[in-house]
N, C-alpha and C. Protein backbone atom coordinates (compact mmCIF):
# COMPACT_ATOMS: atom_id res chain seq x y z
N MET A 1 63.86 -6.94 -5.30
CA MET A 1 64.05 -6.24 -4.03
C MET A 1 65.50 -5.75 -3.93
N SER A 2 65.67 -4.64 -3.22
CA SER A 2 67.02 -4.11 -3.02
C SER A 2 67.63 -4.72 -1.76
N ILE A 3 68.95 -4.69 -1.69
CA ILE A 3 69.68 -5.24 -0.55
C ILE A 3 69.62 -4.28 0.63
N ASN A 4 69.27 -4.80 1.82
CA ASN A 4 69.33 -3.96 3.02
C ASN A 4 70.01 -4.66 4.19
N THR A 5 70.43 -5.90 4.00
CA THR A 5 71.02 -6.69 5.07
C THR A 5 72.30 -7.38 4.58
N ILE A 6 73.36 -7.29 5.39
CA ILE A 6 74.61 -7.95 5.03
C ILE A 6 75.12 -8.75 6.22
N LEU A 7 75.32 -10.04 5.98
CA LEU A 7 75.86 -10.95 6.99
C LEU A 7 77.31 -11.24 6.66
N PHE A 8 78.17 -11.12 7.65
CA PHE A 8 79.60 -11.33 7.43
C PHE A 8 80.12 -12.50 8.26
N ASP A 9 80.93 -13.33 7.63
CA ASP A 9 81.82 -14.18 8.39
C ASP A 9 82.87 -13.26 9.04
N LEU A 10 83.56 -13.75 10.06
CA LEU A 10 84.53 -12.89 10.75
C LEU A 10 85.96 -13.23 10.34
N ASP A 11 86.46 -14.38 10.79
CA ASP A 11 87.86 -14.75 10.53
C ASP A 11 88.12 -14.93 9.05
N GLY A 12 89.16 -14.27 8.55
CA GLY A 12 89.53 -14.41 7.15
C GLY A 12 88.71 -13.58 6.21
N THR A 13 87.67 -12.93 6.74
CA THR A 13 86.79 -12.09 5.92
C THR A 13 86.93 -10.63 6.34
N LEU A 14 86.62 -10.35 7.60
CA LEU A 14 86.75 -8.99 8.13
C LEU A 14 88.09 -8.80 8.83
N ILE A 15 88.46 -9.77 9.64
CA ILE A 15 89.72 -9.65 10.38
C ILE A 15 90.69 -10.75 9.96
N ASN A 16 91.96 -10.37 9.94
CA ASN A 16 93.00 -11.30 9.50
C ASN A 16 93.50 -12.10 10.70
N THR A 17 92.91 -13.25 10.86
CA THR A 17 93.32 -14.17 11.92
C THR A 17 94.09 -15.35 11.35
N ASN A 18 94.47 -15.25 10.08
CA ASN A 18 95.13 -16.39 9.44
C ASN A 18 96.39 -16.83 10.16
N ASP A 19 97.23 -15.85 10.53
CA ASP A 19 98.48 -16.20 11.21
C ASP A 19 98.19 -16.84 12.57
N LEU A 20 97.18 -16.31 13.26
CA LEU A 20 96.81 -16.85 14.57
C LEU A 20 96.26 -18.27 14.44
N ILE A 21 95.36 -18.46 13.50
CA ILE A 21 94.75 -19.79 13.31
C ILE A 21 95.80 -20.83 12.92
N MET A 22 96.64 -20.47 11.97
CA MET A 22 97.67 -21.41 11.53
C MET A 22 98.64 -21.73 12.67
N ALA A 23 99.01 -20.72 13.44
CA ALA A 23 99.91 -20.96 14.57
C ALA A 23 99.27 -21.87 15.60
N SER A 24 97.97 -21.68 15.84
CA SER A 24 97.26 -22.50 16.82
C SER A 24 97.08 -23.93 16.33
N PHE A 25 96.82 -24.09 15.02
CA PHE A 25 96.75 -25.45 14.46
C PHE A 25 98.11 -26.15 14.53
N ARG A 26 99.18 -25.42 14.16
CA ARG A 26 100.52 -26.01 14.24
C ARG A 26 100.82 -26.47 15.66
N HIS A 27 100.55 -25.59 16.61
CA HIS A 27 100.80 -25.87 18.03
C HIS A 27 100.04 -27.12 18.47
N THR A 28 98.79 -27.23 18.06
CA THR A 28 97.95 -28.34 18.49
C THR A 28 98.33 -29.65 17.81
N PHE A 29 98.46 -29.62 16.49
CA PHE A 29 98.75 -30.86 15.77
C PHE A 29 100.17 -31.37 16.03
N GLU A 30 101.10 -30.45 16.25
CA GLU A 30 102.45 -30.91 16.58
C GLU A 30 102.48 -31.59 17.94
N HIS A 31 101.59 -31.17 18.82
CA HIS A 31 101.51 -31.79 20.14
C HIS A 31 100.86 -33.17 20.07
N PHE A 32 99.74 -33.26 19.35
CA PHE A 32 98.98 -34.51 19.31
C PHE A 32 99.42 -35.46 18.19
N TYR A 33 99.87 -34.89 17.05
CA TYR A 33 100.27 -35.70 15.90
C TYR A 33 101.57 -35.14 15.32
N PRO A 34 102.68 -35.23 16.07
CA PRO A 34 103.93 -34.61 15.63
C PRO A 34 104.39 -35.09 14.25
N GLY A 35 104.74 -34.10 13.41
CA GLY A 35 105.30 -34.40 12.10
C GLY A 35 104.31 -34.83 11.04
N ARG A 36 103.02 -34.85 11.36
CA ARG A 36 102.05 -35.38 10.39
C ARG A 36 101.63 -34.35 9.35
N TYR A 37 101.52 -33.07 9.74
CA TYR A 37 100.91 -32.09 8.85
C TYR A 37 101.85 -30.95 8.47
N GLU A 38 101.77 -30.57 7.20
CA GLU A 38 102.40 -29.35 6.70
C GLU A 38 101.34 -28.24 6.68
N ASP A 39 101.78 -26.99 6.49
CA ASP A 39 100.84 -25.86 6.49
C ASP A 39 99.74 -26.02 5.44
N GLU A 40 100.09 -26.52 4.26
CA GLU A 40 99.08 -26.69 3.21
C GLU A 40 97.98 -27.66 3.65
N ASP A 41 98.37 -28.65 4.46
CA ASP A 41 97.38 -29.59 4.99
C ASP A 41 96.46 -28.91 5.99
N LEU A 42 97.04 -28.05 6.82
CA LEU A 42 96.28 -27.41 7.89
C LEU A 42 95.24 -26.43 7.35
N LYS A 43 95.53 -25.83 6.19
CA LYS A 43 94.61 -24.84 5.62
C LYS A 43 93.23 -25.43 5.34
N GLN A 44 93.18 -26.72 5.09
CA GLN A 44 91.89 -27.34 4.76
C GLN A 44 90.92 -27.32 5.94
N PHE A 45 91.44 -27.15 7.15
CA PHE A 45 90.59 -27.17 8.34
C PHE A 45 89.97 -25.82 8.65
N ILE A 46 90.45 -24.77 8.00
CA ILE A 46 89.98 -23.42 8.31
C ILE A 46 88.53 -23.26 7.86
N GLY A 47 87.70 -22.74 8.74
CA GLY A 47 86.32 -22.40 8.39
C GLY A 47 85.27 -23.31 8.98
N GLU A 48 85.68 -24.50 9.46
CA GLU A 48 84.71 -25.38 10.10
C GLU A 48 84.91 -25.35 11.61
N PRO A 49 83.88 -25.70 12.38
CA PRO A 49 84.01 -25.69 13.84
C PRO A 49 85.16 -26.59 14.30
N LEU A 50 85.87 -26.13 15.32
CA LEU A 50 87.05 -26.84 15.80
C LEU A 50 86.73 -28.28 16.20
N TYR A 51 85.63 -28.46 16.90
CA TYR A 51 85.32 -29.81 17.39
C TYR A 51 85.21 -30.79 16.22
N LEU A 52 84.58 -30.37 15.14
CA LEU A 52 84.43 -31.25 13.98
C LEU A 52 85.79 -31.60 13.38
N THR A 53 86.67 -30.59 13.31
CA THR A 53 88.01 -30.82 12.78
C THR A 53 88.75 -31.87 13.60
N PHE A 54 88.74 -31.70 14.91
CA PHE A 54 89.52 -32.60 15.77
C PHE A 54 88.84 -33.95 15.94
N ALA A 55 87.52 -33.98 15.89
CA ALA A 55 86.81 -35.24 16.03
C ALA A 55 87.08 -36.17 14.86
N LYS A 56 87.42 -35.61 13.70
CA LYS A 56 87.77 -36.43 12.55
C LYS A 56 89.03 -37.26 12.82
N HIS A 57 89.87 -36.72 13.70
CA HIS A 57 91.12 -37.40 14.02
C HIS A 57 90.96 -38.37 15.19
N ASP A 58 90.29 -37.91 16.23
CA ASP A 58 90.09 -38.76 17.40
C ASP A 58 88.96 -38.18 18.23
N GLU A 59 87.76 -38.72 18.06
CA GLU A 59 86.60 -38.15 18.74
C GLU A 59 86.75 -38.21 20.26
N SER A 60 87.43 -39.22 20.75
CA SER A 60 87.58 -39.36 22.20
C SER A 60 88.46 -38.28 22.80
N ARG A 61 89.30 -37.64 21.98
CA ARG A 61 90.21 -36.59 22.47
C ARG A 61 89.88 -35.22 21.88
N ALA A 62 88.77 -35.13 21.16
CA ALA A 62 88.44 -33.88 20.47
C ALA A 62 88.31 -32.71 21.44
N GLU A 63 87.63 -32.90 22.55
CA GLU A 63 87.47 -31.81 23.52
C GLU A 63 88.82 -31.37 24.07
N GLU A 64 89.70 -32.32 24.34
CA GLU A 64 91.04 -32.00 24.83
C GLU A 64 91.82 -31.18 23.80
N MET A 65 91.69 -31.56 22.53
CA MET A 65 92.38 -30.84 21.47
C MET A 65 91.82 -29.44 21.27
N VAL A 66 90.51 -29.30 21.38
CA VAL A 66 89.88 -27.98 21.29
C VAL A 66 90.40 -27.07 22.40
N ALA A 67 90.45 -27.58 23.61
CA ALA A 67 90.92 -26.78 24.75
C ALA A 67 92.39 -26.38 24.56
N PHE A 68 93.21 -27.30 24.05
CA PHE A 68 94.62 -27.04 23.81
C PHE A 68 94.79 -25.94 22.77
N TYR A 69 94.01 -26.04 21.69
CA TYR A 69 94.02 -25.03 20.62
C TYR A 69 93.61 -23.67 21.17
N ARG A 70 92.51 -23.63 21.91
CA ARG A 70 91.96 -22.35 22.37
C ARG A 70 92.87 -21.66 23.37
N GLU A 71 93.56 -22.43 24.18
CA GLU A 71 94.49 -21.82 25.13
C GLU A 71 95.58 -21.05 24.39
N HIS A 72 96.13 -21.66 23.35
CA HIS A 72 97.15 -20.99 22.54
C HIS A 72 96.55 -19.81 21.78
N ASN A 73 95.35 -20.00 21.22
CA ASN A 73 94.70 -18.99 20.41
C ASN A 73 94.42 -17.72 21.20
N ILE A 74 93.88 -17.88 22.38
CA ILE A 74 93.54 -16.73 23.22
C ILE A 74 94.79 -16.01 23.71
N ALA A 75 95.81 -16.79 24.09
CA ALA A 75 97.05 -16.20 24.61
C ALA A 75 97.77 -15.35 23.57
N ASN A 76 97.60 -15.69 22.29
CA ASN A 76 98.32 -14.99 21.22
C ASN A 76 97.43 -14.09 20.38
N HIS A 77 96.17 -13.95 20.76
CA HIS A 77 95.17 -13.27 19.94
C HIS A 77 95.57 -11.85 19.57
N ASP A 78 95.77 -11.00 20.56
CA ASP A 78 95.91 -9.57 20.29
C ASP A 78 97.19 -9.21 19.54
N LYS A 79 98.21 -10.04 19.62
CA LYS A 79 99.45 -9.71 18.92
C LYS A 79 99.47 -10.20 17.47
N LEU A 80 98.51 -11.05 17.10
CA LEU A 80 98.52 -11.62 15.76
C LEU A 80 97.32 -11.22 14.90
N VAL A 81 96.30 -10.58 15.48
CA VAL A 81 95.08 -10.27 14.74
C VAL A 81 95.07 -8.82 14.25
N THR A 82 94.74 -8.64 12.98
CA THR A 82 94.56 -7.31 12.39
C THR A 82 93.30 -7.34 11.52
N GLU A 83 92.88 -6.18 11.02
CA GLU A 83 91.75 -6.14 10.09
C GLU A 83 92.29 -6.07 8.67
N PHE A 84 91.51 -6.56 7.72
CA PHE A 84 91.89 -6.46 6.32
C PHE A 84 91.68 -5.03 5.81
N ASP A 85 92.43 -4.69 4.77
CA ASP A 85 92.39 -3.35 4.20
C ASP A 85 90.97 -2.98 3.76
N GLY A 86 90.53 -1.81 4.18
CA GLY A 86 89.25 -1.28 3.76
C GLY A 86 88.04 -1.79 4.51
N VAL A 87 88.25 -2.71 5.44
CA VAL A 87 87.12 -3.31 6.15
C VAL A 87 86.42 -2.30 7.04
N PHE A 88 87.18 -1.62 7.89
CA PHE A 88 86.55 -0.71 8.85
C PHE A 88 85.76 0.37 8.11
N GLU A 89 86.37 0.97 7.09
CA GLU A 89 85.72 2.05 6.36
C GLU A 89 84.46 1.57 5.65
N THR A 90 84.53 0.39 5.07
CA THR A 90 83.37 -0.15 4.35
C THR A 90 82.23 -0.48 5.30
N VAL A 91 82.53 -1.15 6.39
CA VAL A 91 81.48 -1.50 7.36
C VAL A 91 80.88 -0.24 7.96
N LYS A 92 81.71 0.74 8.26
CA LYS A 92 81.23 2.01 8.80
C LYS A 92 80.28 2.70 7.82
N THR A 93 80.65 2.69 6.54
CA THR A 93 79.80 3.30 5.51
C THR A 93 78.46 2.58 5.40
N LEU A 94 78.49 1.27 5.42
CA LEU A 94 77.25 0.50 5.37
C LEU A 94 76.36 0.81 6.57
N SER A 95 76.95 0.87 7.74
CA SER A 95 76.19 1.18 8.96
C SER A 95 75.57 2.58 8.89
N GLU A 96 76.36 3.54 8.44
CA GLU A 96 75.88 4.92 8.34
C GLU A 96 74.76 5.07 7.30
N ASN A 97 74.72 4.16 6.34
CA ASN A 97 73.68 4.20 5.31
C ASN A 97 72.47 3.34 5.65
N GLY A 98 72.43 2.86 6.89
CA GLY A 98 71.24 2.19 7.38
C GLY A 98 71.14 0.71 7.09
N TYR A 99 72.20 0.10 6.62
CA TYR A 99 72.16 -1.34 6.37
C TYR A 99 72.15 -2.12 7.68
N LYS A 100 71.42 -3.21 7.68
CA LYS A 100 71.37 -4.09 8.84
C LYS A 100 72.52 -5.09 8.74
N LEU A 101 73.35 -5.14 9.78
CA LEU A 101 74.58 -5.91 9.73
C LEU A 101 74.64 -6.96 10.83
N ALA A 102 75.22 -8.10 10.51
CA ALA A 102 75.39 -9.16 11.50
C ALA A 102 76.64 -9.96 11.20
N ILE A 103 77.17 -10.58 12.25
CA ILE A 103 78.27 -11.53 12.14
C ILE A 103 77.69 -12.93 12.27
N VAL A 104 78.09 -13.84 11.37
CA VAL A 104 77.75 -15.26 11.50
C VAL A 104 79.06 -16.04 11.39
N THR A 105 79.47 -16.66 12.48
CA THR A 105 80.80 -17.24 12.55
C THR A 105 80.80 -18.60 13.23
N SER A 106 81.78 -19.42 12.84
CA SER A 106 81.93 -20.74 13.44
C SER A 106 82.77 -20.69 14.72
N LYS A 107 83.16 -19.50 15.14
CA LYS A 107 83.93 -19.35 16.37
C LYS A 107 83.02 -19.27 17.59
N MET A 108 83.64 -19.48 18.77
CA MET A 108 82.92 -19.28 20.04
C MET A 108 82.81 -17.79 20.35
N ARG A 109 81.82 -17.43 21.14
CA ARG A 109 81.53 -16.03 21.40
C ARG A 109 82.69 -15.26 22.03
N ASN A 110 83.39 -15.87 22.97
CA ASN A 110 84.42 -15.09 23.67
C ASN A 110 85.52 -14.61 22.74
N THR A 111 85.98 -15.46 21.82
CA THR A 111 87.03 -15.03 20.90
C THR A 111 86.48 -14.13 19.80
N VAL A 112 85.22 -14.30 19.45
CA VAL A 112 84.58 -13.37 18.50
C VAL A 112 84.57 -11.96 19.09
N GLU A 113 84.16 -11.85 20.33
CA GLU A 113 84.10 -10.54 20.98
C GLU A 113 85.49 -9.93 21.12
N MET A 114 86.50 -10.76 21.36
CA MET A 114 87.88 -10.26 21.43
C MET A 114 88.29 -9.63 20.10
N GLY A 115 87.99 -10.31 19.01
CA GLY A 115 88.37 -9.80 17.69
C GLY A 115 87.63 -8.55 17.29
N LEU A 116 86.34 -8.50 17.57
CA LEU A 116 85.54 -7.32 17.23
C LEU A 116 85.96 -6.11 18.05
N LYS A 117 86.25 -6.33 19.32
CA LYS A 117 86.68 -5.23 20.18
C LYS A 117 88.05 -4.72 19.78
N LEU A 118 88.97 -5.63 19.50
CA LEU A 118 90.34 -5.25 19.13
C LEU A 118 90.35 -4.37 17.89
N THR A 119 89.49 -4.68 16.91
CA THR A 119 89.46 -3.94 15.65
C THR A 119 88.42 -2.81 15.66
N GLU A 120 87.72 -2.66 16.78
CA GLU A 120 86.68 -1.62 16.96
C GLU A 120 85.51 -1.80 16.00
N LEU A 121 85.32 -3.01 15.51
CA LEU A 121 84.18 -3.30 14.64
C LEU A 121 82.92 -3.63 15.43
N ASP A 122 83.07 -3.84 16.73
CA ASP A 122 81.93 -4.24 17.56
C ASP A 122 80.80 -3.24 17.53
N GLN A 123 81.12 -1.96 17.33
CA GLN A 123 80.11 -0.90 17.34
C GLN A 123 79.11 -1.01 16.19
N PHE A 124 79.44 -1.78 15.15
CA PHE A 124 78.61 -1.83 13.95
C PHE A 124 77.71 -3.06 13.87
N PHE A 125 77.87 -3.99 14.80
CA PHE A 125 77.16 -5.26 14.68
C PHE A 125 76.25 -5.53 15.88
N PRO A 126 74.96 -5.18 15.74
CA PRO A 126 74.01 -5.43 16.83
C PRO A 126 73.67 -6.90 16.98
N VAL A 127 73.90 -7.69 15.94
CA VAL A 127 73.60 -9.11 15.97
C VAL A 127 74.88 -9.90 15.66
N VAL A 128 75.22 -10.81 16.55
CA VAL A 128 76.38 -11.69 16.36
C VAL A 128 75.93 -13.12 16.67
N ILE A 129 75.96 -13.97 15.66
CA ILE A 129 75.55 -15.36 15.83
C ILE A 129 76.79 -16.25 15.75
N THR A 130 77.19 -16.81 16.87
CA THR A 130 78.37 -17.66 16.94
C THR A 130 77.95 -19.13 16.91
N VAL A 131 78.94 -19.99 16.94
CA VAL A 131 78.67 -21.43 16.95
C VAL A 131 77.95 -21.84 18.24
N ASP A 132 78.08 -21.00 19.28
CA ASP A 132 77.44 -21.30 20.56
C ASP A 132 75.92 -21.18 20.51
N GLU A 133 75.39 -20.43 19.54
CA GLU A 133 73.97 -20.13 19.51
C GLU A 133 73.14 -21.07 18.63
N VAL A 134 73.77 -22.01 17.97
CA VAL A 134 73.03 -22.84 17.01
C VAL A 134 73.32 -24.33 17.21
N GLU A 135 72.43 -25.12 16.68
CA GLU A 135 72.64 -26.57 16.68
C GLU A 135 73.46 -27.00 15.46
N ASN A 136 73.26 -26.27 14.36
CA ASN A 136 73.88 -26.66 13.09
C ASN A 136 74.72 -25.52 12.53
N PRO A 137 76.05 -25.63 12.58
CA PRO A 137 76.91 -24.57 12.04
C PRO A 137 76.94 -24.58 10.52
N LYS A 138 77.53 -23.56 9.93
CA LYS A 138 77.72 -23.52 8.48
C LYS A 138 78.46 -24.78 8.03
N PRO A 139 78.07 -25.36 6.89
CA PRO A 139 77.26 -24.79 5.80
C PRO A 139 75.75 -24.91 5.95
N HIS A 140 75.27 -25.43 7.06
CA HIS A 140 73.83 -25.41 7.32
C HIS A 140 73.37 -23.95 7.39
N PRO A 141 72.18 -23.62 6.94
CA PRO A 141 71.72 -22.23 6.92
C PRO A 141 71.25 -21.69 8.26
N GLU A 142 71.27 -22.49 9.34
CA GLU A 142 70.66 -22.06 10.60
C GLU A 142 71.21 -20.74 11.12
N GLN A 143 72.53 -20.55 11.07
CA GLN A 143 73.09 -19.30 11.60
C GLN A 143 72.60 -18.09 10.81
N LEU A 144 72.54 -18.23 9.50
CA LEU A 144 72.09 -17.12 8.66
C LEU A 144 70.61 -16.84 8.89
N GLU A 145 69.83 -17.90 9.00
CA GLU A 145 68.39 -17.73 9.23
C GLU A 145 68.13 -17.10 10.60
N THR A 146 68.93 -17.47 11.59
CA THR A 146 68.79 -16.88 12.92
C THR A 146 69.11 -15.39 12.89
N ALA A 147 70.20 -15.04 12.19
CA ALA A 147 70.58 -13.63 12.08
C ALA A 147 69.50 -12.82 11.36
N MET A 148 68.98 -13.35 10.26
CA MET A 148 67.94 -12.64 9.52
C MET A 148 66.68 -12.47 10.36
N LYS A 149 66.36 -13.46 11.15
CA LYS A 149 65.18 -13.36 12.02
C LYS A 149 65.37 -12.24 13.04
N GLU A 150 66.56 -12.18 13.64
CA GLU A 150 66.82 -11.14 14.64
C GLU A 150 66.85 -9.74 14.03
N LEU A 151 67.29 -9.67 12.77
CA LEU A 151 67.35 -8.37 12.08
C LEU A 151 66.03 -8.03 11.39
N ARG A 152 65.08 -8.97 11.42
CA ARG A 152 63.80 -8.81 10.72
C ARG A 152 64.02 -8.57 9.23
N SER A 153 64.86 -9.42 8.68
CA SER A 153 65.22 -9.33 7.26
C SER A 153 64.69 -10.55 6.50
N VAL A 154 64.67 -10.43 5.18
CA VAL A 154 64.26 -11.55 4.34
C VAL A 154 65.41 -11.91 3.40
N ARG A 155 65.41 -13.14 2.94
CA ARG A 155 66.54 -13.65 2.16
C ARG A 155 66.76 -12.88 0.86
N GLU A 156 65.66 -12.41 0.26
CA GLU A 156 65.79 -11.70 -1.02
C GLU A 156 66.53 -10.38 -0.88
N GLU A 157 66.63 -9.87 0.35
CA GLU A 157 67.28 -8.58 0.58
C GLU A 157 68.61 -8.72 1.33
N THR A 158 69.16 -9.94 1.34
CA THR A 158 70.31 -10.25 2.18
C THR A 158 71.50 -10.76 1.38
N ILE A 159 72.69 -10.36 1.81
CA ILE A 159 73.97 -10.82 1.26
C ILE A 159 74.74 -11.55 2.35
N MET A 160 75.41 -12.63 1.98
CA MET A 160 76.35 -13.31 2.86
C MET A 160 77.75 -13.15 2.30
N VAL A 161 78.68 -12.64 3.13
CA VAL A 161 80.06 -12.38 2.70
C VAL A 161 81.00 -13.29 3.48
N GLY A 162 81.86 -14.04 2.78
CA GLY A 162 82.76 -14.93 3.49
C GLY A 162 83.97 -15.34 2.70
N ASP A 163 84.90 -16.01 3.39
CA ASP A 163 86.17 -16.40 2.78
C ASP A 163 86.31 -17.90 2.59
N SER A 164 85.34 -18.68 3.04
CA SER A 164 85.47 -20.14 2.91
C SER A 164 84.28 -20.74 2.17
N GLN A 165 84.46 -21.98 1.75
CA GLN A 165 83.36 -22.67 1.06
C GLN A 165 82.15 -22.83 1.97
N TYR A 166 82.37 -22.91 3.28
CA TYR A 166 81.26 -23.06 4.22
C TYR A 166 80.36 -21.82 4.21
N ASP A 167 80.97 -20.65 4.04
CA ASP A 167 80.19 -19.41 3.97
C ASP A 167 79.34 -19.37 2.71
N ILE A 168 79.97 -19.72 1.59
CA ILE A 168 79.26 -19.68 0.31
C ILE A 168 78.14 -20.72 0.30
N LEU A 169 78.43 -21.92 0.75
CA LEU A 169 77.42 -22.97 0.78
C LEU A 169 76.28 -22.63 1.74
N ALA A 170 76.61 -22.04 2.88
CA ALA A 170 75.57 -21.63 3.83
C ALA A 170 74.67 -20.57 3.21
N GLY A 171 75.28 -19.62 2.50
CA GLY A 171 74.49 -18.60 1.83
C GLY A 171 73.58 -19.19 0.77
N GLN A 172 74.12 -20.10 0.00
CA GLN A 172 73.31 -20.76 -1.03
C GLN A 172 72.18 -21.58 -0.40
N ASN A 173 72.49 -22.26 0.69
CA ASN A 173 71.46 -23.05 1.38
C ASN A 173 70.37 -22.19 2.00
N ALA A 174 70.74 -20.95 2.35
CA ALA A 174 69.78 -20.02 2.93
C ALA A 174 69.04 -19.20 1.87
N GLY A 175 69.47 -19.32 0.62
CA GLY A 175 68.81 -18.61 -0.47
C GLY A 175 69.13 -17.14 -0.56
N VAL A 176 70.34 -16.74 -0.08
CA VAL A 176 70.72 -15.33 -0.14
C VAL A 176 71.82 -15.14 -1.19
N THR A 177 72.07 -13.90 -1.55
CA THR A 177 73.16 -13.56 -2.45
C THR A 177 74.49 -13.82 -1.75
N THR A 178 75.45 -14.41 -2.45
CA THR A 178 76.72 -14.75 -1.83
C THR A 178 77.88 -13.95 -2.44
N VAL A 179 78.78 -13.53 -1.56
CA VAL A 179 79.97 -12.79 -1.97
C VAL A 179 81.19 -13.45 -1.34
N GLY A 180 82.12 -13.89 -2.18
CA GLY A 180 83.38 -14.44 -1.70
C GLY A 180 84.46 -13.37 -1.75
N VAL A 181 85.45 -13.50 -0.87
CA VAL A 181 86.56 -12.54 -0.85
C VAL A 181 87.82 -13.21 -1.38
N SER A 182 88.51 -12.53 -2.29
CA SER A 182 89.64 -13.15 -2.98
C SER A 182 90.86 -13.31 -2.08
N TRP A 183 90.86 -12.62 -0.93
CA TRP A 183 92.01 -12.74 -0.02
C TRP A 183 91.92 -13.97 0.89
N THR A 184 91.02 -14.87 0.60
CA THR A 184 90.92 -16.11 1.34
C THR A 184 92.25 -16.87 1.34
N ILE A 185 92.61 -17.43 2.46
CA ILE A 185 93.85 -18.19 2.57
C ILE A 185 93.81 -19.45 1.72
N LYS A 186 92.60 -19.88 1.36
CA LYS A 186 92.46 -21.09 0.55
C LYS A 186 92.65 -20.83 -0.94
N GLY A 187 92.75 -19.54 -1.32
CA GLY A 187 92.95 -19.19 -2.72
C GLY A 187 91.65 -18.84 -3.41
N SER A 188 91.68 -17.79 -4.22
CA SER A 188 90.45 -17.31 -4.85
C SER A 188 89.89 -18.31 -5.86
N ASP A 189 90.76 -19.07 -6.53
CA ASP A 189 90.27 -20.07 -7.48
C ASP A 189 89.49 -21.16 -6.76
N PHE A 190 89.97 -21.57 -5.61
CA PHE A 190 89.25 -22.58 -4.82
C PHE A 190 87.87 -22.06 -4.43
N LEU A 191 87.81 -20.81 -3.94
CA LEU A 191 86.53 -20.26 -3.51
C LEU A 191 85.60 -20.06 -4.71
N ALA A 192 86.16 -19.63 -5.83
CA ALA A 192 85.35 -19.43 -7.04
C ALA A 192 84.71 -20.72 -7.52
N SER A 193 85.32 -21.85 -7.20
CA SER A 193 84.78 -23.14 -7.66
C SER A 193 83.44 -23.46 -7.00
N PHE A 194 83.11 -22.75 -5.91
CA PHE A 194 81.82 -22.95 -5.25
C PHE A 194 80.75 -21.98 -5.76
N GLU A 195 81.12 -21.20 -6.77
CA GLU A 195 80.21 -20.34 -7.53
C GLU A 195 79.46 -19.31 -6.68
N PRO A 196 80.20 -18.48 -5.93
CA PRO A 196 79.53 -17.35 -5.28
C PRO A 196 78.97 -16.40 -6.35
N ASP A 197 77.97 -15.63 -5.99
CA ASP A 197 77.41 -14.68 -6.95
C ASP A 197 78.42 -13.60 -7.33
N TYR A 198 79.27 -13.24 -6.38
CA TYR A 198 80.32 -12.24 -6.61
C TYR A 198 81.61 -12.70 -5.93
N LEU A 199 82.74 -12.28 -6.49
CA LEU A 199 84.03 -12.49 -5.86
C LEU A 199 84.75 -11.16 -5.89
N VAL A 200 85.04 -10.59 -4.72
CA VAL A 200 85.60 -9.25 -4.65
C VAL A 200 87.09 -9.29 -4.29
N ASP A 201 87.82 -8.30 -4.82
CA ASP A 201 89.26 -8.19 -4.54
C ASP A 201 89.55 -7.19 -3.44
N HIS A 202 88.55 -6.38 -3.09
CA HIS A 202 88.69 -5.39 -2.01
C HIS A 202 87.32 -5.21 -1.38
N MET A 203 87.29 -5.04 -0.07
CA MET A 203 86.01 -4.96 0.61
C MET A 203 85.16 -3.79 0.12
N ARG A 204 85.79 -2.74 -0.36
CA ARG A 204 85.03 -1.58 -0.82
C ARG A 204 84.09 -1.92 -1.98
N GLU A 205 84.42 -2.95 -2.75
CA GLU A 205 83.55 -3.37 -3.86
C GLU A 205 82.16 -3.77 -3.37
N LEU A 206 82.06 -4.12 -2.11
CA LEU A 206 80.77 -4.51 -1.54
C LEU A 206 79.77 -3.36 -1.57
N LEU A 207 80.27 -2.12 -1.52
CA LEU A 207 79.38 -0.96 -1.51
C LEU A 207 78.56 -0.88 -2.80
N ALA A 208 79.18 -1.21 -3.92
CA ALA A 208 78.46 -1.19 -5.20
C ALA A 208 77.48 -2.36 -5.27
N ILE A 209 77.90 -3.53 -4.79
CA ILE A 209 77.02 -4.70 -4.82
C ILE A 209 75.77 -4.46 -3.98
N ALA A 210 75.97 -3.80 -2.82
CA ALA A 210 74.84 -3.53 -1.92
C ALA A 210 73.98 -2.36 -2.37
N GLY A 211 74.50 -1.55 -3.28
CA GLY A 211 73.73 -0.42 -3.80
C GLY A 211 74.03 0.91 -3.15
N VAL A 212 75.08 0.97 -2.32
CA VAL A 212 75.48 2.25 -1.72
C VAL A 212 76.08 3.14 -2.79
N GLU A 213 76.90 2.54 -3.65
CA GLU A 213 77.53 3.28 -4.74
C GLU A 213 77.02 2.75 -6.07
N LYS A 214 76.89 3.64 -7.03
CA LYS A 214 76.44 3.25 -8.37
C LYS A 214 77.62 2.82 -9.21
């Protein structure tokens, strides 16, 4: 079967929120655990739901830590978020060629909508599945399966594109083709160790994988 559906992670894949996320983690951990973490330590938390990250440290204060993080994140969102090179043009081309597109992200809906609107990518994604809509976030396949159901797609015709191991594992668990992006903050070698079907250095390479370009 040919590819007709592409599911994208958002942060670190389509839009560059790395500076924002790292700043928000620094702000939060310095408040709750001063001096404990360096930036290299904080990178390991990127890609999983915030509550799970903070609950590992102190489940009784996880909600408080999430709220503290989100207050900083929202306040600094628009000045720190940009899109990665070639993303807008590639997504626009896919949309114009009739591909079914969706966002599957571990973020909450309000900040997802902020990022999509800021980068004007919102016009291309009729389906957005956030952590608010599911019981089981990535790497569980529920978000991907929900998106495919809404798009009336099947796994054999679907690609999952992401920057973290959770994206690749979720794609593998859902039985879809997986594409990792080499601009991941965790490093392309780290992402390659989870054996995505493809690892791209520029978003435009996705057009050939999907069959838009020969």
